[in-house]
């Protein structure tokens, strides 16, 4: 990286972090329609789903009219925490301890205590064509991003409180998410409220389990992650991409977008954390990257 480019990157990074910090990391979300205090949640799920999609795509923001407040998303908190923790570990980096501590404390304060562990979810209701999720429904995806950020924070600081959070999040996934077992492998569900097969969510969980294995040495977690990754690899299409999920009729929903990146990141990280040199995984990564 040239000196000029490095200065440009540092300038952009500084502007972005100052912007986020000034707002306590809160802002709009594409799916935040049902955060409005208006009685939109009383609408039939199909109607609220349609309105959410219109809201998501509307070039004119109606958030002020609908009284939708800025919100700090738990997933964003996990991503910001990971970013600061990675920066903290760079030679010559400024001290990001205040930001990391603030975000970690916020994550702990906004955790959802479940029967066997901790989880996180959306702070507002969400409606799809297949399900309605009340606010703070435990989410595998949100929990996985929190877990990743807290693991990086633990690595950067050695704060042992983070280890307890990592283990509590892992316990939620292992003991409370429904699983679908197939000949190819294992698929964890998106939430505890129903059994489903969402490919990117399952891959993120595999990465999560592998990272906890790397931290604790619990081989049961490695075995679960391996079965989950085997399922993920089996679901890759010949062209190199993954569809989104298995629909109720048993067919796959074709949705090829940024979720491909989630799967590729998960496969790459799983290899490192689990120490798995299976050539089928490397082949899946290379085919997926070429498509992407």
C-alpha atoms as a PDB file:
ATOM      1  CA  UNK A   1       0.000   0.000   0.000  1.00  0.00           C
ATOM      2  CA  UNK A   2       1.446   3.387  -0.995  1.00  0.00           C
ATOM      3  CA  UNK A   3       1.807   6.164   1.551  1.00  0.00           C
ATOM      4  CA  UNK A   4      -0.839   8.218  -0.266  1.00  0.00           C
ATOM      5  CA  UNK A   5      -3.330   5.357  -0.298  1.00  0.00           C
ATOM      6  CA  UNK A   6      -2.658   4.605   3.347  1.00  0.00           C
ATOM      7  CA  UNK A   7      -3.426   8.217   4.259  1.00  0.00           C
ATOM      8  CA  UNK A   8      -6.631   8.072   2.199  1.00  0.00           C
ATOM      9  CA  UNK A   9      -7.730   4.887   3.948  1.00  0.00           C
ATOM     10  CA  UNK A  10      -6.963   6.350   7.362  1.00  0.00           C
ATOM     11  CA  UNK A  11      -8.912   9.516   6.501  1.00  0.00           C
ATOM     12  CA  UNK A  12     -11.962   7.525   5.410  1.00  0.00           C
ATOM     13  CA  UNK A  13     -11.703   5.269   8.456  1.00  0.00           C
ATOM     14  CA  UNK A  14     -11.523   8.274  10.746  1.00  0.00           C
ATOM     15  CA  UNK A  15     -14.547   9.908   9.121  1.00  0.00           C
ATOM     16  CA  UNK A  16     -16.625   6.728   9.319  1.00  0.00           C
ATOM     17  CA  UNK A  17     -15.791   5.986  12.945  1.00  0.00           C
ATOM     18  CA  UNK A  18     -16.394   9.591  14.034  1.00  0.00           C
ATOM     19  CA  UNK A  19     -19.775   9.543  12.267  1.00  0.00           C
ATOM     20  CA  UNK A  20     -20.782   6.259  13.927  1.00  0.00           C
ATOM     21  CA  UNK A  21     -19.485   7.175  17.375  1.00  0.00           C
ATOM     22  CA  UNK A  22     -21.292  10.537  17.358  1.00  0.00           C
ATOM     23  CA  UNK A  23     -24.562   8.620  16.894  1.00  0.00           C
ATOM     24  CA  UNK A  24     -23.762   5.829  19.356  1.00  0.00           C
ATOM     25  CA  UNK A  25     -23.643   3.519  16.326  1.00  0.00           C
ATOM     26  CA  UNK A  26     -27.404   3.880  15.750  1.00  0.00           C
ATOM     27  CA  UNK A  27     -29.094   4.505  12.424  1.00  0.00           C
ATOM     28  CA  UNK A  28     -31.755   3.298   9.996  1.00  0.00           C
ATOM     29  CA  UNK A  29     -32.185  -0.314   8.917  1.00  0.00           C
ATOM     30  CA  UNK A  30     -33.778  -1.475   5.641  1.00  0.00           C
ATOM     31  CA  UNK A  31     -36.254  -3.650   7.578  1.00  0.00           C
ATOM     32  CA  UNK A  32     -37.147  -1.251  10.406  1.00  0.00           C
ATOM     33  CA  UNK A  33     -40.721  -0.459   9.302  1.00  0.00           C
ATOM     34  CA  UNK A  34     -42.271  -2.333  12.225  1.00  0.00           C
ATOM     35  CA  UNK A  35     -40.180  -0.268  14.655  1.00  0.00           C
ATOM     36  CA  UNK A  36     -42.754   2.474  14.054  1.00  0.00           C
ATOM     37  CA  UNK A  37     -45.096   3.139  17.013  1.00  0.00           C
ATOM     38  CA  UNK A  38     -47.990   3.101  14.542  1.00  0.00           C
ATOM     39  CA  UNK A  39     -50.159  -0.077  14.765  1.00  0.00           C
ATOM     40  CA  UNK A  40     -48.520  -1.758  11.776  1.00  0.00           C
ATOM     41  CA  UNK A  41     -47.867  -5.010  13.630  1.00  0.00           C
ATOM     42  CA  UNK A  42     -51.607  -5.656  13.811  1.00  0.00           C
ATOM     43  CA  UNK A  43     -51.717  -6.089  10.029  1.00  0.00           C
ATOM     44  CA  UNK A  44     -51.763  -9.609   8.519  1.00  0.00           C
ATOM     45  CA  UNK A  45     -48.208 -10.945   8.064  1.00  0.00           C
ATOM     46  CA  UNK A  46     -48.445 -10.922   4.264  1.00  0.00           C
ATOM     47  CA  UNK A  47     -49.485  -7.253   4.302  1.00  0.00           C
ATOM     48  CA  UNK A  48     -46.751  -6.182   6.718  1.00  0.00           C
ATOM     49  CA  UNK A  49     -44.237  -8.153   4.633  1.00  0.00           C
ATOM     50  CA  UNK A  50     -45.335  -6.324   1.481  1.00  0.00           C
ATOM     51  CA  UNK A  51     -45.178  -2.935   3.197  1.00  0.00           C
ATOM     52  CA  UNK A  52     -41.719  -3.741   4.566  1.00  0.00           C
ATOM     53  CA  UNK A  53     -40.494  -4.540   1.058  1.00  0.00           C
ATOM     54  CA  UNK A  54     -41.925  -1.253  -0.250  1.00  0.00           C
ATOM     55  CA  UNK A  55     -40.311   0.595   2.670  1.00  0.00           C
ATOM     56  CA  UNK A  56     -36.990  -1.126   1.970  1.00  0.00           C
ATOM     57  CA  UNK A  57     -36.990  -0.107  -1.706  1.00  0.00           C
ATOM     58  CA  UNK A  58     -38.530   3.357  -1.391  1.00  0.00           C
ATOM     59  CA  UNK A  59     -35.995   5.988  -2.580  1.00  0.00           C
ATOM     60  CA  UNK A  60     -37.677   8.507  -0.242  1.00  0.00           C
ATOM     61  CA  UNK A  61     -37.260   7.803   3.457  1.00  0.00           C
ATOM     62  CA  UNK A  62     -40.531   7.951   5.401  1.00  0.00           C
ATOM     63  CA  UNK A  63     -38.927   7.223   8.761  1.00  0.00           C
ATOM     64  CA  UNK A  64     -39.599  10.668  10.184  1.00  0.00           C
ATOM     65  CA  UNK A  65     -43.251  10.554   9.133  1.00  0.00           C
ATOM     66  CA  UNK A  66     -43.616   7.040  10.535  1.00  0.00           C
ATOM     67  CA  UNK A  67     -41.714   8.014  13.710  1.00  0.00           C
ATOM     68  CA  UNK A  68     -39.159   5.240  13.245  1.00  0.00           C
ATOM     69  CA  UNK A  69     -36.223   5.986  15.568  1.00  0.00           C
ATOM     70  CA  UNK A  70     -32.564   5.308  14.790  1.00  0.00           C
ATOM     71  CA  UNK A  71     -31.545   2.039  16.403  1.00  0.00           C
ATOM     72  CA  UNK A  72     -28.308   0.261  17.226  1.00  0.00           C
ATOM     73  CA  UNK A  73     -28.644  -3.188  15.697  1.00  0.00           C
ATOM     74  CA  UNK A  74     -26.979  -5.986  17.698  1.00  0.00           C
ATOM     75  CA  UNK A  75     -25.460  -7.340  14.485  1.00  0.00           C
ATOM     76  CA  UNK A  76     -23.927  -3.919  13.837  1.00  0.00           C
ATOM     77  CA  UNK A  77     -22.579  -3.843  17.390  1.00  0.00           C
ATOM     78  CA  UNK A  78     -20.840  -7.158  16.743  1.00  0.00           C
ATOM     79  CA  UNK A  79     -19.375  -5.935  13.465  1.00  0.00           C
ATOM     80  CA  UNK A  80     -18.173  -2.648  14.955  1.00  0.00           C
ATOM     81  CA  UNK A  81     -16.645  -4.494  17.908  1.00  0.00           C
ATOM     82  CA  UNK A  82     -14.773  -6.838  15.569  1.00  0.00           C
ATOM     83  CA  UNK A  83     -13.544  -3.909  13.467  1.00  0.00           C
ATOM     84  CA  UNK A  84     -12.199  -2.013  16.483  1.00  0.00           C
ATOM     85  CA  UNK A  85     -10.614  -5.189  17.868  1.00  0.00           C
ATOM     86  CA  UNK A  86      -8.856  -5.860  14.567  1.00  0.00           C
ATOM     87  CA  UNK A  87      -7.638  -2.255  14.438  1.00  0.00           C
ATOM     88  CA  UNK A  88      -6.445  -2.489  18.045  1.00  0.00           C
ATOM     89  CA  UNK A  89      -4.174  -5.372  17.056  1.00  0.00           C
ATOM     90  CA  UNK A  90      -2.459  -3.406  14.259  1.00  0.00           C
ATOM     91  CA  UNK A  91       1.036  -2.066  15.043  1.00  0.00           C
ATOM     92  CA  UNK A  92       0.977   1.669  15.682  1.00  0.00           C
ATOM     93  CA  UNK A  93      -2.805   1.776  15.913  1.00  0.00           C
ATOM     94  CA  UNK A  94      -4.573   4.293  18.182  1.00  0.00           C
ATOM     95  CA  UNK A  95      -6.074   2.923  21.386  1.00  0.00           C
ATOM     96  CA  UNK A  96      -9.641   1.798  20.717  1.00  0.00           C
ATOM     97  CA  UNK A  97     -10.237   0.456  24.233  1.00  0.00           C
ATOM     98  CA  UNK A  98     -13.016   2.977  25.062  1.00  0.00           C
ATOM     99  CA  UNK A  99     -14.994   2.087  21.925  1.00  0.00           C
ATOM    100  CA  UNK A 100     -14.508  -1.649  22.421  1.00  0.00           C
ATOM    101  CA  UNK A 101     -15.511  -1.484  26.078  1.00  0.00           C
ATOM    102  CA  UNK A 102     -18.634   0.538  25.280  1.00  0.00           C
ATOM    103  CA  UNK A 103     -19.729  -1.897  22.575  1.00  0.00           C
ATOM    104  CA  UNK A 104     -18.956  -4.998  24.634  1.00  0.00           C
ATOM    105  CA  UNK A 105     -20.916  -3.659  27.609  1.00  0.00           C
ATOM    106  CA  UNK A 106     -23.823  -2.776  25.292  1.00  0.00           C
ATOM    107  CA  UNK A 107     -23.797  -6.293  23.829  1.00  0.00           C
ATOM    108  CA  UNK A 108     -23.932  -7.869  27.287  1.00  0.00           C
ATOM    109  CA  UNK A 109     -26.682  -5.501  28.423  1.00  0.00           C
ATOM    110  CA  UNK A 110     -28.823  -6.269  25.344  1.00  0.00           C
ATOM    111  CA  UNK A 111     -28.388 -10.036  25.328  1.00  0.00           C
ATOM    112  CA  UNK A 112     -31.419 -12.320  25.402  1.00  0.00           C
ATOM    113  CA  UNK A 113     -31.120 -14.895  28.161  1.00  0.00           C
ATOM    114  CA  UNK A 114     -32.455 -18.198  26.854  1.00  0.00           C
ATOM    115  CA  UNK A 115     -32.987 -21.534  28.577  1.00  0.00           C
ATOM    116  CA  UNK A 116     -29.410 -22.704  27.998  1.00  0.00           C
ATOM    117  CA  UNK A 117     -27.409 -19.646  26.985  1.00  0.00           C
ATOM    118  CA  UNK A 118     -27.413 -16.168  25.492  1.00  0.00           C
ATOM    119  CA  UNK A 119     -28.581 -14.935  22.120  1.00  0.00           C
ATOM    120  CA  UNK A 120     -29.368 -11.730  20.249  1.00  0.00           C
ATOM    121  CA  UNK A 121     -31.983 -10.747  17.691  1.00  0.00           C
ATOM    122  CA  UNK A 122     -33.614  -7.859  15.868  1.00  0.00           C
ATOM    123  CA  UNK A 123     -34.860  -5.072  18.172  1.00  0.00           C
ATOM    124  CA  UNK A 124     -38.064  -4.767  16.140  1.00  0.00           C
ATOM    125  CA  UNK A 125     -40.630  -7.166  14.710  1.00  0.00           C
ATOM    126  CA  UNK A 126     -40.002  -8.708  11.312  1.00  0.00           C
ATOM    127  CA  UNK A 127     -42.504 -10.323   8.988  1.00  0.00           C
ATOM    128  CA  UNK A 128     -41.788 -12.613   6.042  1.00  0.00           C
ATOM    129  CA  UNK A 129     -44.113 -14.674   3.886  1.00  0.00           C
ATOM    130  CA  UNK A 130     -43.398 -17.734   6.016  1.00  0.00           C
ATOM    131  CA  UNK A 131     -43.143 -16.405   9.586  1.00  0.00           C
ATOM    132  CA  UNK A 132     -43.622 -13.470  11.938  1.00  0.00           C
ATOM    133  CA  UNK A 133     -40.856 -12.720  14.411  1.00  0.00           C
ATOM    134  CA  UNK A 134     -41.658 -10.555  17.446  1.00  0.00           C
ATOM    135  CA  UNK A 135     -38.990  -8.107  18.601  1.00  0.00           C
ATOM    136  CA  UNK A 136     -35.968  -9.743  20.247  1.00  0.00           C
ATOM    137  CA  UNK A 137     -36.608 -13.196  18.799  1.00  0.00           C
ATOM    138  CA  UNK A 138     -33.300 -15.080  19.169  1.00  0.00           C
ATOM    139  CA  UNK A 139     -31.531 -15.214  15.809  1.00  0.00           C
ATOM    140  CA  UNK A 140     -28.727 -17.560  14.784  1.00  0.00           C
ATOM    141  CA  UNK A 141     -27.340 -15.002  12.336  1.00  0.00           C
ATOM    142  CA  UNK A 142     -27.313 -12.070  14.749  1.00  0.00           C
ATOM    143  CA  UNK A 143     -25.853 -14.271  17.481  1.00  0.00           C
ATOM    144  CA  UNK A 144     -23.126 -15.511  15.111  1.00  0.00           C
ATOM    145  CA  UNK A 145     -22.004 -11.959  14.276  1.00  0.00           C
ATOM    146  CA  UNK A 146     -22.008 -11.010  17.962  1.00  0.00           C
ATOM    147  CA  UNK A 147     -19.987 -14.134  18.749  1.00  0.00           C
ATOM    148  CA  UNK A 148     -17.426 -13.283  16.067  1.00  0.00           C
ATOM    149  CA  UNK A 149     -16.988  -9.748  17.380  1.00  0.00           C
ATOM    150  CA  UNK A 150     -16.677 -10.865  20.991  1.00  0.00           C
ATOM    151  CA  UNK A 151     -14.093 -13.510  20.038  1.00  0.00           C
ATOM    152  CA  UNK A 152     -11.987 -10.834  18.338  1.00  0.00           C
ATOM    153  CA  UNK A 153     -12.422  -8.561  21.361  1.00  0.00           C
ATOM    154  CA  UNK A 154     -11.205 -11.388  23.608  1.00  0.00           C
ATOM    155  CA  UNK A 155      -8.166 -11.868  21.390  1.00  0.00           C
ATOM    156  CA  UNK A 156      -7.380  -8.148  21.402  1.00  0.00           C
ATOM    157  CA  UNK A 157      -7.851  -7.525  25.119  1.00  0.00           C
ATOM    158  CA  UNK A 158      -7.773 -10.801  27.034  1.00  0.00           C
ATOM    159  CA  UNK A 159     -10.943  -9.692  28.866  1.00  0.00           C
ATOM    160  CA  UNK A 160     -12.143 -12.968  30.419  1.00  0.00           C
ATOM    161  CA  UNK A 161     -15.731 -11.684  30.576  1.00  0.00           C
ATOM    162  CA  UNK A 162     -15.758 -12.147  26.816  1.00  0.00           C
ATOM    163  CA  UNK A 163     -14.979 -15.856  27.137  1.00  0.00           C
ATOM    164  CA  UNK A 164     -18.163 -16.340  29.168  1.00  0.00           C
ATOM    165  CA  UNK A 165     -20.198 -14.545  26.484  1.00  0.00           C
ATOM    166  CA  UNK A 166     -18.667 -16.718  23.754  1.00  0.00           C
ATOM    167  CA  UNK A 167     -19.524 -19.893  25.642  1.00  0.00           C
ATOM    168  CA  UNK A 168     -23.077 -18.721  26.431  1.00  0.00           C
ATOM    169  CA  UNK A 169     -23.747 -17.884  22.774  1.00  0.00           C
ATOM    170  CA  UNK A 170     -22.388 -21.263  21.717  1.00  0.00           C
ATOM    171  CA  UNK A 171     -24.600 -23.045  24.256  1.00  0.00           C
ATOM    172  CA  UNK A 172     -27.669 -21.358  22.767  1.00  0.00           C
ATOM    173  CA  UNK A 173     -26.789 -22.580  19.273  1.00  0.00           C
ATOM    174  CA  UNK A 174     -25.910 -26.126  20.324  1.00  0.00           C
ATOM    175  CA  UNK A 175     -28.818 -26.755  22.673  1.00  0.00           C
ATOM    176  CA  UNK A 176     -31.709 -24.597  21.446  1.00  0.00           C
ATOM    177  CA  UNK A 177     -31.664 -24.329  17.650  1.00  0.00           C
ATOM    178  CA  UNK A 178     -33.605 -27.044  15.793  1.00  0.00           C
ATOM    179  CA  UNK A 179     -31.461 -29.116  13.442  1.00  0.00           C
ATOM    180  CA  UNK A 180     -32.160 -30.891  10.181  1.00  0.00           C
ATOM    181  CA  UNK A 181     -30.026 -33.975   9.647  1.00  0.00           C
ATOM    182  CA  UNK A 182     -29.527 -35.126   6.058  1.00  0.00           C
ATOM    183  CA  UNK A 183     -27.299 -37.615   4.275  1.00  0.00           C
ATOM    184  CA  UNK A 184     -25.037 -34.704   3.336  1.00  0.00           C
ATOM    185  CA  UNK A 185     -24.702 -33.256   6.812  1.00  0.00           C
ATOM    186  CA  UNK A 186     -26.353 -31.064   9.405  1.00  0.00           C
ATOM    187  CA  UNK A 187     -28.306 -27.811   9.066  1.00  0.00           C
ATOM    188  CA  UNK A 188     -29.041 -25.541  12.021  1.00  0.00           C
ATOM    189  CA  UNK A 189     -32.239 -23.484  11.923  1.00  0.00           C
ATOM    190  CA  UNK A 190     -32.352 -19.693  11.765  1.00  0.00           C
ATOM    191  CA  UNK A 191     -34.343 -19.278  14.991  1.00  0.00           C
ATOM    192  CA  UNK A 192     -35.666 -21.525  17.775  1.00  0.00           C
ATOM    193  CA  UNK A 193     -39.272 -20.887  16.717  1.00  0.00           C
ATOM    194  CA  UNK A 194     -39.300 -23.191  13.682  1.00  0.00           C
ATOM    195  CA  UNK A 195     -37.204 -25.745  11.841  1.00  0.00           C
ATOM    196  CA  UNK A 196     -35.821 -24.463   8.541  1.00  0.00           C
ATOM    197  CA  UNK A 197     -32.803 -24.713   6.253  1.00  0.00           C
ATOM    198  CA  UNK A 198     -31.182 -21.376   5.419  1.00  0.00           C
ATOM    199  CA  UNK A 199     -27.792 -21.916   3.818  1.00  0.00           C
ATOM    200  CA  UNK A 200     -25.932 -18.783   4.888  1.00  0.00           C
ATOM    201  CA  UNK A 201     -27.231 -18.989   8.465  1.00  0.00           C
ATOM    202  CA  UNK A 202     -26.026 -22.568   8.739  1.00  0.00           C
ATOM    203  CA  UNK A 203     -22.579 -21.642   7.407  1.00  0.00           C
ATOM    204  CA  UNK A 204     -22.262 -18.787   9.908  1.00  0.00           C
ATOM    205  CA  UNK A 205     -23.107 -21.188  12.730  1.00  0.00           C
ATOM    206  CA  UNK A 206     -20.448 -23.631  11.516  1.00  0.00           C
ATOM    207  CA  UNK A 207     -17.861 -20.840  11.668  1.00  0.00           C
ATOM    208  CA  UNK A 208     -19.077 -19.917  15.137  1.00  0.00           C
ATOM    209  CA  UNK A 209     -18.763 -23.466  16.442  1.00  0.00           C
ATOM    210  CA  UNK A 210     -15.318 -23.877  14.887  1.00  0.00           C
ATOM    211  CA  UNK A 211     -14.095 -20.651  16.474  1.00  0.00           C
ATOM    212  CA  UNK A 212     -15.320 -21.722  19.898  1.00  0.00           C
ATOM    213  CA  UNK A 213     -13.595 -25.078  19.344  1.00  0.00           C
ATOM    214  CA  UNK A 214     -10.348 -23.236  18.591  1.00  0.00           C
ATOM    215  CA  UNK A 215     -10.779 -21.348  21.862  1.00  0.00           C
ATOM    216  CA  UNK A 216     -11.870 -24.226  24.121  1.00  0.00           C
ATOM    217  CA  UNK A 217     -10.669 -27.433  22.457  1.00  0.00           C
ATOM    218  CA  UNK A 218     -14.172 -28.964  22.712  1.00  0.00           C
ATOM    219  CA  UNK A 219     -14.111 -31.574  19.932  1.00  0.00           C
ATOM    220  CA  UNK A 220     -17.903 -31.968  19.995  1.00  0.00           C
ATOM    221  CA  UNK A 221     -18.149 -28.426  18.650  1.00  0.00           C
ATOM    222  CA  UNK A 222     -15.633 -29.237  15.920  1.00  0.00           C
ATOM    223  CA  UNK A 223     -17.665 -32.294  14.922  1.00  0.00           C
ATOM    224  CA  UNK A 224     -20.897 -30.282  14.741  1.00  0.00           C
ATOM    225  CA  UNK A 225     -19.157 -27.607  12.680  1.00  0.00           C
ATOM    226  CA  UNK A 226     -17.746 -30.230  10.334  1.00  0.00           C
ATOM    227  CA  UNK A 227     -21.198 -31.748   9.739  1.00  0.00           C
ATOM    228  CA  UNK A 228     -22.659 -28.290   9.160  1.00  0.00           C
ATOM    229  CA  UNK A 229     -19.946 -27.404   6.642  1.00  0.00           C
ATOM    230  CA  UNK A 230     -20.457 -30.732   4.846  1.00  0.00           C
ATOM    231  CA  UNK A 231     -24.108 -29.751   4.376  1.00  0.00           C
ATOM    232  CA  UNK A 232     -23.064 -26.325   3.096  1.00  0.00           C
ATOM    233  CA  UNK A 233     -20.622 -27.754   0.565  1.00  0.00           C
ATOM    234  CA  UNK A 234     -23.248 -30.224  -0.655  1.00  0.00           C
ATOM    235  CA  UNK A 235     -25.728 -27.404  -1.322  1.00  0.00           C
ATOM    236  CA  UNK A 236     -23.386 -25.498  -3.658  1.00  0.00           C
ATOM    237  CA  UNK A 237     -24.732 -25.324  -7.205  1.00  0.00           C
ATOM    238  CA  UNK A 238     -22.619 -26.554 -10.149  1.00  0.00           C
ATOM    239  CA  UNK A 239     -22.078 -22.929 -11.212  1.00  0.00           C
ATOM    240  CA  UNK A 240     -20.468 -22.169  -7.845  1.00  0.00           C
ATOM    241  CA  UNK A 241     -23.231 -20.248  -6.062  1.00  0.00           C
ATOM    242  CA  UNK A 242     -25.632 -21.123  -3.256  1.00  0.00           C
ATOM    243  CA  UNK A 243     -29.359 -20.529  -3.231  1.00  0.00           C
ATOM    244  CA  UNK A 244     -30.889 -19.004  -0.108  1.00  0.00           C
ATOM    245  CA  UNK A 245     -32.952 -21.705   1.609  1.00  0.00           C
ATOM    246  CA  UNK A 246     -35.154 -24.781   1.260  1.00  0.00           C
ATOM    247  CA  UNK A 247     -38.779 -23.762   0.718  1.00  0.00           C
ATOM    248  CA  UNK A 248     -41.770 -25.538   2.213  1.00  0.00           C
ATOM    249  CA  UNK A 249     -42.290 -27.562  -0.957  1.00  0.00           C
ATOM    250  CA  UNK A 250     -38.737 -28.912  -0.766  1.00  0.00           C
ATOM    251  CA  UNK A 251     -37.333 -26.803  -3.606  1.00  0.00           C
ATOM    252  CA  UNK A 252     -34.616 -24.195  -3.185  1.00  0.00           C
ATOM    253  CA  UNK A 253     -35.327 -20.465  -3.191  1.00  0.00           C
ATOM    254  CA  UNK A 254     -33.047 -18.819  -5.732  1.00  0.00           C
ATOM    255  CA  UNK A 255     -31.646 -15.657  -4.194  1.00  0.00           C
ATOM    256  CA  UNK A 256     -28.087 -14.912  -5.205  1.00  0.00           C
ATOM    257  CA  UNK A 257     -26.752 -11.813  -3.447  1.00  0.00           C
ATOM    258  CA  UNK A 258     -24.408 -10.679  -0.671  1.00  0.00           C
ATOM    259  CA  UNK A 259     -25.191 -13.837   1.312  1.00  0.00           C
ATOM    260  CA  UNK A 260     -22.696 -15.595  -0.966  1.00  0.00           C
ATOM    261  CA  UNK A 261     -20.010 -13.608   0.830  1.00  0.00           C
ATOM    262  CA  UNK A 262     -21.257 -14.776   4.231  1.00  0.00           C
ATOM    263  CA  UNK A 263     -20.899 -18.389   3.102  1.00  0.00           C
ATOM    264  CA  UNK A 264     -17.446 -17.896   1.595  1.00  0.00           C
ATOM    265  CA  UNK A 265     -16.184 -16.074   4.695  1.00  0.00           C
ATOM    266  CA  UNK A 266     -17.572 -18.864   6.860  1.00  0.00           C
ATOM    267  CA  UNK A 267     -15.900 -21.594   4.816  1.00  0.00           C
ATOM    268  CA  UNK A 268     -12.535 -19.811   4.885  1.00  0.00           C
ATOM    269  CA  UNK A 269     -12.702 -19.152   8.626  1.00  0.00           C
ATOM    270  CA  UNK A 270     -13.927 -22.676   9.353  1.00  0.00           C
ATOM    271  CA  UNK A 271     -10.847 -24.099   7.606  1.00  0.00           C
ATOM    272  CA  UNK A 272      -8.585 -22.028   9.840  1.00  0.00           C
ATOM    273  CA  UNK A 273     -10.376 -22.526  13.156  1.00  0.00           C
ATOM    274  CA  UNK A 274     -11.124 -26.239  12.727  1.00  0.00           C
ATOM    275  CA  UNK A 275      -7.819 -27.070  11.047  1.00  0.00           C
ATOM    276  CA  UNK A 276      -9.779 -28.930   8.378  1.00  0.00           C
ATOM    277  CA  UNK A 277      -7.797 -29.507   5.168  1.00  0.00           C
ATOM    278  CA  UNK A 278     -10.589 -31.345   3.328  1.00  0.00           C
ATOM    279  CA  UNK A 279      -9.989 -30.571  -0.387  1.00  0.00           C
ATOM    280  CA  UNK A 280     -13.762 -30.471  -0.971  1.00  0.00           C
ATOM    281  CA  UNK A 281     -13.953 -27.342   1.178  1.00  0.00           C
ATOM    282  CA  UNK A 282     -11.095 -25.609  -0.638  1.00  0.00           C
ATOM    283  CA  UNK A 283     -12.705 -26.550  -3.958  1.00  0.00           C
ATOM    284  CA  UNK A 284     -16.031 -25.075  -2.823  1.00  0.00           C
ATOM    285  CA  UNK A 285     -14.297 -21.844  -1.792  1.00  0.00           C
ATOM    286  CA  UNK A 286     -12.503 -21.501  -5.118  1.00  0.00           C
ATOM    287  CA  UNK A 287     -15.635 -22.241  -7.158  1.00  0.00           C
ATOM    288  CA  UNK A 288     -17.701 -19.869  -5.043  1.00  0.00           C
ATOM    289  CA  UNK A 289     -15.112 -17.098  -5.309  1.00  0.00           C
ATOM    290  CA  UNK A 290     -14.932 -17.450  -9.088  1.00  0.00           C
ATOM    291  CA  UNK A 291     -18.708 -17.143  -9.338  1.00  0.00           C
ATOM    292  CA  UNK A 292     -18.826 -14.236  -6.889  1.00  0.00           C
END
